[in-house]
């Protein structure tokens, strides 16, 4: 399945930039790990941290980048790192050490909160961390599939009244299913009120604020404690590469550092370029920095911004064409570069089950034709054709081509 093709609208995939592919080959040849020492990749990642913070708006109140980025395998790994640090912080806030005691001393349950639209990795992280899925609260969303801060506050208050210890809120900046952006500023207010860690899963939409249409919605990323951002999505980096941006470098260090004697003599001093292995679980892992640096350096900030705006504009165009059509229906508001829609016969005589079957058949027929790849998901129980624009070659012709394909097979099978 050629997911690198510009007409593969599946999930959140893009094609890697040629310069990034070349740089990855060079990194493999050099075989420098990102664990520590004076490997060039450690210094490249340190510089790249600033770039990623600037692109996403993960800045201090005065607009300067402060913190660090850690490169991991993807959004799931980045979420796990960020939520583990949140667990360490919550225990420290309450006066004890998670590293010393673990979760086996019968302390009040830590509670995490996330949107009902959250990526599945959030629950998997909670399970792997020993928090337990029963201590993950899935907060109701509004009609735009955005977490409701009022319901979040009510849930936190109920857990406090029950003697539990709310610890962390996980918001979304571009949810996988519908591209929703949670009201980050309002959620940050709730976290400030109750002294909670705020992590944002922006694996997909972490840089969407470069588009003026979304700048205000993502401005509050300068208030969050940690942010997941996947360079192997919009930034055209080959698999695999996820990033975690952390504001408090010292907290991340406290949660992970464990330097064995054979490394201690060469370990970096306070204030110098950080060794990644002291800020994450892995000790030895490949150089993900060079290929990411090359991809961003090639485009520059303006190039990244223009690509993001183009993809978002194509999604808006598709949404407009769907709304104007008499046999297509939007199933969710267009958000970021994702559009959820379905084919509905003009007669309007099909049941929901029949519509679901028809749209699944349309998806499979499009894939079988070799013309494009558009998978399905479910939105409020309805089977949805889900198109995500991320490819640097996507253009308006792709949108019109996709509409024509859907209508062609819809009319054939209705």
Protein backbone atom coordinates (compact mmCIF):
# COMPACT_ATOMS: atom_id res chain seq x y z
CA UNK A 1 0.00 0.00 0.00
CA UNK A 2 1.78 3.18 -1.19
CA UNK A 3 1.09 5.55 1.71
CA UNK A 4 3.82 7.89 0.41
CA UNK A 5 1.66 8.73 -2.61
CA UNK A 6 0.08 12.23 -2.58
CA UNK A 7 -3.35 10.65 -3.13
CA UNK A 8 -3.06 8.42 -0.10
CA UNK A 9 -5.23 10.31 2.37
CA UNK A 10 -4.95 7.63 5.03
CA UNK A 11 -4.53 8.35 8.72
CA UNK A 12 -1.80 10.99 9.27
CA UNK A 13 0.87 9.98 6.80
CA UNK A 14 3.11 12.00 4.53
CA UNK A 15 5.99 11.28 2.20
CA UNK A 16 9.50 11.90 3.57
CA UNK A 17 11.49 14.66 1.92
CA UNK A 18 14.40 13.46 -0.26
CA UNK A 19 16.94 15.48 1.76
CA UNK A 20 15.70 13.80 4.93
CA UNK A 21 16.03 10.34 3.37
CA UNK A 22 19.60 11.15 2.35
CA UNK A 23 20.40 12.49 5.80
CA UNK A 24 19.00 9.36 7.41
CA UNK A 25 21.33 7.24 5.27
CA UNK A 26 24.25 9.42 6.39
CA UNK A 27 23.24 9.09 10.04
CA UNK A 28 23.09 5.30 9.72
CA UNK A 29 26.54 5.32 8.14
CA UNK A 30 28.04 7.44 10.93
CA UNK A 31 26.27 5.19 13.47
CA UNK A 32 26.39 7.80 16.24
CA UNK A 33 23.91 7.11 19.02
CA UNK A 34 21.89 9.84 20.66
CA UNK A 35 22.77 8.64 24.13
CA UNK A 36 25.53 11.10 24.99
CA UNK A 37 29.22 11.93 24.63
CA UNK A 38 30.34 14.44 22.00
CA UNK A 39 28.47 12.83 19.14
CA UNK A 40 27.41 15.46 16.63
CA UNK A 41 23.82 14.27 16.78
CA UNK A 42 23.50 15.34 20.43
CA UNK A 43 24.37 18.91 19.50
CA UNK A 44 22.10 18.82 16.45
CA UNK A 45 19.20 17.70 18.63
CA UNK A 46 19.93 20.49 21.09
CA UNK A 47 19.65 23.04 18.27
CA UNK A 48 16.61 21.26 16.85
CA UNK A 49 14.87 21.61 20.22
CA UNK A 50 14.72 25.37 19.74
CA UNK A 51 13.36 25.00 16.21
CA UNK A 52 10.57 22.66 17.30
CA UNK A 53 9.61 24.93 20.19
CA UNK A 54 9.45 27.93 17.87
CA UNK A 55 7.41 26.12 15.20
CA UNK A 56 4.85 24.89 17.73
CA UNK A 57 4.69 28.00 19.92
CA UNK A 58 5.95 26.02 22.94
CA UNK A 59 7.53 29.17 24.34
CA UNK A 60 7.89 31.09 27.58
CA UNK A 61 5.58 34.00 28.33
CA UNK A 62 8.10 36.42 26.79
CA UNK A 63 8.16 34.43 23.54
CA UNK A 64 11.54 32.77 23.98
CA UNK A 65 12.08 29.01 23.66
CA UNK A 66 12.95 27.37 26.95
CA UNK A 67 13.06 23.68 27.72
CA UNK A 68 14.19 20.82 25.50
CA UNK A 69 13.03 18.28 22.95
CA UNK A 70 13.60 14.55 23.11
CA UNK A 71 13.29 12.45 19.96
CA UNK A 72 11.54 9.11 20.33
CA UNK A 73 9.93 6.52 18.07
CA UNK A 74 6.62 8.36 17.63
CA UNK A 75 3.63 9.92 19.35
CA UNK A 76 2.99 6.92 21.57
CA UNK A 77 6.54 6.93 22.91
CA UNK A 78 6.46 10.70 23.39
CA UNK A 79 3.14 10.50 25.24
CA UNK A 80 4.53 7.77 27.49
CA UNK A 81 7.58 9.85 28.36
CA UNK A 82 5.53 12.97 29.05
CA UNK A 83 2.88 11.20 31.13
CA UNK A 84 5.55 9.37 33.13
CA UNK A 85 7.15 12.69 34.05
CA UNK A 86 3.69 13.95 35.01
CA UNK A 87 3.37 10.95 37.35
CA UNK A 88 6.75 11.76 38.94
CA UNK A 89 5.72 15.41 39.33
CA UNK A 90 2.36 14.54 40.90
CA UNK A 91 4.01 12.29 43.49
CA UNK A 92 6.57 15.00 44.27
CA UNK A 93 3.77 17.54 44.60
CA UNK A 94 2.17 15.28 47.21
CA UNK A 95 5.43 14.79 49.10
CA UNK A 96 6.69 11.36 48.05
CA UNK A 97 8.91 9.69 45.43
CA UNK A 98 7.47 7.48 42.71
CA UNK A 99 10.97 6.23 41.90
CA UNK A 100 11.53 5.02 45.46
CA UNK A 101 8.05 3.79 46.42
CA UNK A 102 6.37 2.87 43.16
CA UNK A 103 2.58 2.55 43.23
CA UNK A 104 2.34 -0.20 45.82
CA UNK A 105 2.02 1.71 49.09
CA UNK A 106 -1.77 2.12 49.07
CA UNK A 107 -1.70 5.85 48.44
CA UNK A 108 -4.80 7.56 47.00
CA UNK A 109 -5.26 6.76 43.32
CA UNK A 110 -3.70 9.13 40.81
CA UNK A 111 -6.28 10.24 38.26
CA UNK A 112 -5.58 11.27 34.67
CA UNK A 113 -8.09 13.06 32.43
CA UNK A 114 -8.38 13.14 28.66
CA UNK A 115 -10.88 13.78 25.89
CA UNK A 116 -13.27 11.13 24.71
CA UNK A 117 -11.59 11.70 21.33
CA UNK A 118 -8.06 11.04 22.63
CA UNK A 119 -5.63 8.84 20.74
CA UNK A 120 -5.61 5.22 21.90
CA UNK A 121 -1.99 5.57 23.05
CA UNK A 122 -3.14 7.65 26.02
CA UNK A 123 -5.01 4.71 27.54
CA UNK A 124 -2.16 2.36 26.70
CA UNK A 125 0.27 4.68 28.48
CA UNK A 126 -1.96 4.81 31.55
CA UNK A 127 -2.10 1.03 31.64
CA UNK A 128 1.66 0.60 31.17
CA UNK A 129 2.40 3.15 33.90
CA UNK A 130 0.41 1.19 36.45
CA UNK A 131 -2.21 3.93 36.85
CA UNK A 132 -4.90 1.65 35.43
CA UNK A 133 -7.60 2.37 32.85
CA UNK A 134 -10.21 2.72 35.59
CA UNK A 135 -8.33 5.83 36.76
CA UNK A 136 -8.46 7.48 33.35
CA UNK A 137 -11.42 9.82 32.96
CA UNK A 138 -12.67 10.34 29.41
CA UNK A 139 -14.20 13.80 29.37
CA UNK A 140 -17.27 14.51 27.25
CA UNK A 141 -16.79 16.63 24.12
CA UNK A 142 -18.89 19.35 22.51
CA UNK A 143 -20.45 19.30 19.04
CA UNK A 144 -17.01 20.02 17.53
CA UNK A 145 -15.48 17.03 19.36
CA UNK A 146 -13.50 19.28 21.73
CA UNK A 147 -13.06 18.51 25.42
CA UNK A 148 -15.52 20.40 27.62
CA UNK A 149 -13.69 22.31 30.38
CA UNK A 150 -16.84 22.53 32.51
CA UNK A 151 -17.18 18.74 32.55
CA UNK A 152 -13.46 18.43 33.27
CA UNK A 153 -13.81 20.68 36.32
CA UNK A 154 -16.80 18.70 37.60
CA UNK A 155 -14.90 15.43 37.22
CA UNK A 156 -11.86 16.77 39.09
CA UNK A 157 -14.03 18.07 41.91
CA UNK A 158 -15.81 14.72 42.20
CA UNK A 159 -12.51 12.84 42.39
CA UNK A 160 -11.15 15.20 45.05
CA UNK A 161 -14.31 14.74 47.08
CA UNK A 162 -13.81 10.96 46.82
CA UNK A 163 -10.30 11.25 48.25
CA UNK A 164 -8.44 10.66 45.01
CA UNK A 165 -5.47 12.64 43.66
CA UNK A 166 -6.02 14.27 40.26
CA UNK A 167 -2.63 14.40 38.55
CA UNK A 168 -2.68 15.23 34.85
CA UNK A 169 -4.87 16.38 31.97
CA UNK A 170 -4.12 15.22 28.41
CA UNK A 171 -5.54 17.59 25.79
CA UNK A 172 -5.45 17.19 22.01
CA UNK A 173 -4.13 19.56 19.36
CA UNK A 174 -5.40 17.84 16.25
CA UNK A 175 -7.11 14.63 17.33
CA UNK A 176 -6.46 11.68 15.04
CA UNK A 177 -10.06 10.93 14.15
CA UNK A 178 -11.47 14.38 13.38
CA UNK A 179 -8.57 16.83 13.83
CA UNK A 180 -10.21 18.51 16.82
CA UNK A 181 -8.28 21.07 18.87
CA UNK A 182 -9.30 21.13 22.51
CA UNK A 183 -9.81 24.56 24.16
CA UNK A 184 -6.24 24.57 25.50
CA UNK A 185 -6.41 27.96 27.21
CA UNK A 186 -9.57 27.07 29.17
CA UNK A 187 -8.12 23.68 30.09
CA UNK A 188 -4.91 25.38 31.24
CA UNK A 189 -7.03 27.58 33.53
CA UNK A 190 -8.54 24.45 35.10
CA UNK A 191 -5.10 22.90 35.55
CA UNK A 192 -3.82 26.07 37.22
CA UNK A 193 -6.84 26.11 39.52
CA UNK A 194 -6.32 22.54 40.72
CA UNK A 195 -2.52 22.33 40.36
CA UNK A 196 -2.46 19.67 37.62
CA UNK A 197 0.08 18.81 34.94
CA UNK A 198 -1.08 19.68 31.41
CA UNK A 199 0.18 17.51 28.58
CA UNK A 200 -0.94 18.14 25.00
CA UNK A 201 -0.91 15.43 22.37
CA UNK A 202 -0.02 17.46 19.29
CA UNK A 203 1.53 14.57 17.38
CA UNK A 204 -0.55 15.64 14.37
CA UNK A 205 -1.49 19.28 14.92
CA UNK A 206 1.31 20.58 17.12
CA UNK A 207 2.50 23.06 14.46
CA UNK A 208 -0.91 24.01 13.05
CA UNK A 209 -0.70 27.39 14.78
CA UNK A 210 1.54 28.45 11.88
CA UNK A 211 -1.74 28.75 9.94
CA UNK A 212 -3.31 32.10 10.97
CA UNK A 213 -6.70 30.33 11.03
CA UNK A 214 -5.49 28.31 14.04
CA UNK A 215 -2.99 30.65 15.71
CA UNK A 216 -5.37 31.84 18.40
CA UNK A 217 -6.65 28.31 19.13
CA UNK A 218 -3.09 27.10 19.79
CA UNK A 219 -1.63 30.18 21.46
CA UNK A 220 -1.96 28.57 24.91
CA UNK A 221 0.66 25.95 24.01
CA UNK A 222 2.97 28.35 25.83
CA UNK A 223 1.17 27.34 29.05
CA UNK A 224 1.46 23.56 28.86
CA UNK A 225 4.01 21.41 30.71
CA UNK A 226 4.75 18.97 27.89
CA UNK A 227 3.84 18.58 24.23
CA UNK A 228 4.00 15.64 21.84
CA UNK A 229 4.92 16.54 18.25
CA UNK A 230 5.65 14.06 15.44
CA UNK A 231 8.24 15.17 12.86
CA UNK A 232 7.41 12.03 10.85
CA UNK A 233 4.03 13.56 10.12
CA UNK A 234 3.87 17.11 8.75
CA UNK A 235 7.63 17.78 8.82
CA UNK A 236 8.36 15.12 6.16
CA UNK A 237 10.78 13.05 8.22
CA UNK A 238 11.12 9.30 7.47
CA UNK A 239 9.75 6.87 10.02
CA UNK A 240 10.34 6.85 12.83
CA UNK A 241 10.53 10.14 14.67
CA UNK A 242 8.34 11.52 17.45
CA UNK A 243 9.28 14.41 19.71
CA UNK A 244 8.44 15.32 23.26
CA UNK A 245 8.85 18.97 24.21
CA UNK A 246 9.30 19.51 27.95
CA UNK A 247 9.28 22.86 29.71
CA UNK A 248 10.97 21.85 32.97
CA UNK A 249 14.15 20.08 31.92
CA UNK A 250 15.12 19.41 35.55
CA UNK A 251 11.91 17.48 36.30
CA UNK A 252 12.43 15.28 33.27
CA UNK A 253 16.01 14.66 34.41
CA UNK A 254 14.93 13.77 37.96
CA UNK A 255 12.44 11.24 36.63
CA UNK A 256 14.91 9.35 34.44
CA UNK A 257 18.54 9.96 35.34
CA UNK A 258 20.52 6.90 36.41
CA UNK A 259 24.14 7.14 35.29
CA UNK A 260 26.21 3.94 35.67
CA UNK A 261 29.85 4.13 36.71
CA UNK A 262 31.14 3.37 33.23
CA UNK A 263 29.48 6.56 31.93
CA UNK A 264 29.77 8.82 34.96
CA UNK A 265 33.27 10.13 34.25
CA UNK A 266 32.20 11.35 30.82
CA UNK A 267 28.76 12.61 31.84
CA UNK A 268 27.93 16.18 30.96
CA UNK A 269 28.14 18.91 33.56
CA UNK A 270 25.22 20.99 34.74
CA UNK A 271 24.26 23.65 32.21
CA UNK A 272 25.87 21.96 29.21
CA UNK A 273 24.18 20.23 26.27
CA UNK A 274 22.01 17.49 27.85
CA UNK A 275 22.58 13.82 27.22
CA UNK A 276 19.26 12.43 25.93
CA UNK A 277 19.74 9.16 27.82
CA UNK A 278 19.30 11.04 31.10
CA UNK A 279 15.88 12.31 30.06
CA UNK A 280 14.24 9.15 28.74
CA UNK A 281 14.05 5.39 29.29
CA UNK A 282 16.29 4.32 26.41
CA UNK A 283 20.07 4.41 26.69
CA UNK A 284 21.11 3.50 23.15
CA UNK A 285 18.98 4.58 20.23
CA UNK A 286 19.56 5.77 16.67
CA UNK A 287 20.18 9.25 15.35
CA UNK A 288 16.78 10.76 14.60
CA UNK A 289 18.11 14.31 14.84
CA UNK A 290 20.00 14.69 11.57
CA UNK A 291 17.11 13.70 9.30
CA UNK A 292 14.74 15.97 11.25
CA UNK A 293 17.18 18.88 11.19
CA UNK A 294 17.64 18.43 7.42
CA UNK A 295 13.90 18.36 6.69
CA UNK A 296 13.22 21.53 8.68
CA UNK A 297 16.35 23.31 7.42
CA UNK A 298 15.35 22.65 3.80
CA UNK A 299 11.91 24.21 4.21
CA UNK A 300 12.66 26.89 6.75
CA UNK A 301 9.92 28.38 8.90
CA UNK A 302 8.19 29.99 5.91
CA UNK A 303 8.21 26.73 3.96
CA UNK A 304 6.72 24.79 6.86
CA UNK A 305 4.07 27.48 7.35
CA UNK A 306 3.12 27.53 3.66
CA UNK A 307 2.78 23.74 3.57
CA UNK A 308 0.56 23.71 6.67
CA UNK A 309 -1.65 26.47 5.26
CA UNK A 310 -1.94 24.68 1.92
CA UNK A 311 -3.02 21.40 3.51
CA UNK A 312 -5.55 23.16 5.74
CA UNK A 313 -6.93 25.10 2.77
CA UNK A 314 -7.39 21.87 0.80
CA UNK A 315 -9.35 20.39 3.69
CA UNK A 316 -11.55 23.47 3.81
CA UNK A 317 -12.11 23.24 0.05
CA UNK A 318 -13.13 19.60 0.33
CA UNK A 319 -15.50 20.50 3.16
CA UNK A 320 -17.08 23.26 1.07
CA UNK A 321 -17.57 20.95 -1.92
CA UNK A 322 -19.14 18.29 0.30
CA UNK A 323 -21.59 20.82 1.74
CA UNK A 324 -22.56 22.02 -1.75
CA UNK A 325 -23.12 18.48 -3.04
CA UNK A 326 -26.55 16.84 -2.98
CA UNK A 327 -25.14 13.36 -2.36
CA UNK A 328 -22.34 14.00 0.16
CA UNK A 329 -22.59 14.83 3.86
CA UNK A 330 -20.10 16.21 6.39
CA UNK A 331 -19.97 14.15 9.58
CA UNK A 332 -17.73 16.49 11.62
CA UNK A 333 -16.57 20.09 11.32
CA UNK A 334 -13.47 20.40 9.14
CA UNK A 335 -10.51 20.83 11.48
CA UNK A 336 -6.80 21.16 10.74
CA UNK A 337 -6.37 19.15 7.49
CA UNK A 338 -8.90 16.39 8.21
CA UNK A 339 -12.34 15.96 6.64
CA UNK A 340 -14.92 13.33 7.67
CA UNK A 341 -17.75 12.84 5.21
CA UNK A 342 -19.89 10.16 3.58
CA UNK A 343 -21.84 9.44 0.45
CA UNK A 344 -25.63 9.67 0.84
CA UNK A 345 -27.84 8.75 -2.15
CA UNK A 346 -30.11 11.55 -3.35
CA UNK A 347 -33.14 9.36 -2.70
CA UNK A 348 -32.35 9.33 1.01
CA UNK A 349 -33.99 5.94 1.33
CA UNK A 350 -31.15 3.94 2.94
CA UNK A 351 -31.02 3.03 6.61
CA UNK A 352 -27.97 3.94 8.72
CA UNK A 353 -26.70 0.36 8.51
CA UNK A 354 -27.06 0.42 4.75
CA UNK A 355 -25.28 3.77 4.54
CA UNK A 356 -22.46 2.39 6.64
CA UNK A 357 -22.13 -0.61 4.36
CA UNK A 358 -22.25 1.55 1.24
CA UNK A 359 -19.51 3.90 2.40
CA UNK A 360 -17.30 1.02 3.46
CA UNK A 361 -17.80 -0.44 -0.02
CA UNK A 362 -16.90 2.92 -1.61
CA UNK A 363 -13.66 3.07 0.39
CA UNK A 364 -12.67 -0.44 -0.63
CA UNK A 365 -13.52 0.24 -4.27
CA UNK A 366 -11.38 3.38 -4.34
CA UNK A 367 -8.43 1.48 -2.87
CA UNK A 368 -8.99 -1.36 -5.34
CA UNK A 369 -9.04 1.06 -8.27
CA UNK A 370 -5.50 2.19 -7.53
CA UNK A 371 -6.64 5.80 -7.96
CA UNK A 372 -6.41 6.83 -4.31
CA UNK A 373 -6.49 5.52 -0.76
CA UNK A 374 -9.12 6.81 1.65
CA UNK A 375 -9.87 4.62 4.68
CA UNK A 376 -12.90 4.76 6.93
CA UNK A 377 -13.44 5.56 10.56
CA UNK A 378 -16.55 6.10 12.67
CA UNK A 379 -18.00 9.44 13.75
CA UNK A 380 -20.91 9.21 16.16
CA UNK A 381 -21.43 5.63 15.02
CA UNK A 382 -21.55 6.46 11.31
CA UNK A 383 -18.96 5.05 8.90
CA UNK A 384 -16.99 8.00 7.60
CA UNK A 385 -14.68 8.48 4.64
CA UNK A 386 -11.75 10.22 6.30
CA UNK A 387 -9.40 12.35 4.21
CA UNK A 388 -6.25 13.83 5.71
CA UNK A 389 -4.11 16.18 3.61
CA UNK A 390 -0.42 16.19 4.61
CA UNK A 391 1.58 15.59 1.44
CA UNK A 392 3.78 18.44 0.21
CA UNK A 393 2.51 17.84 -3.36
CA UNK A 394 -1.21 17.94 -2.53
CA UNK A 395 -3.15 20.47 -4.62
CA UNK A 396 -6.73 21.39 -5.55
CA UNK A 397 -6.77 18.80 -8.35
CA UNK A 398 -6.49 16.10 -5.68
CA UNK A 399 -9.61 17.40 -3.95
CA UNK A 400 -11.70 17.39 -7.14
CA UNK A 401 -10.34 13.97 -8.09
CA UNK A 402 -11.35 12.55 -4.71
CA UNK A 403 -14.88 13.99 -4.93
CA UNK A 404 -15.30 12.49 -8.39
CA UNK A 405 -14.10 9.07 -7.22
CA UNK A 406 -16.45 8.98 -4.25
CA UNK A 407 -19.42 9.97 -6.38
CA UNK A 408 -18.48 7.54 -9.14
CA UNK A 409 -18.40 4.52 -6.85
CA UNK A 410 -21.29 5.81 -4.75
CA UNK A 411 -23.56 5.93 -7.78
CA UNK A 412 -22.31 2.54 -8.89
CA UNK A 413 -23.11 0.75 -5.62
CA UNK A 414 -26.11 2.66 -4.19
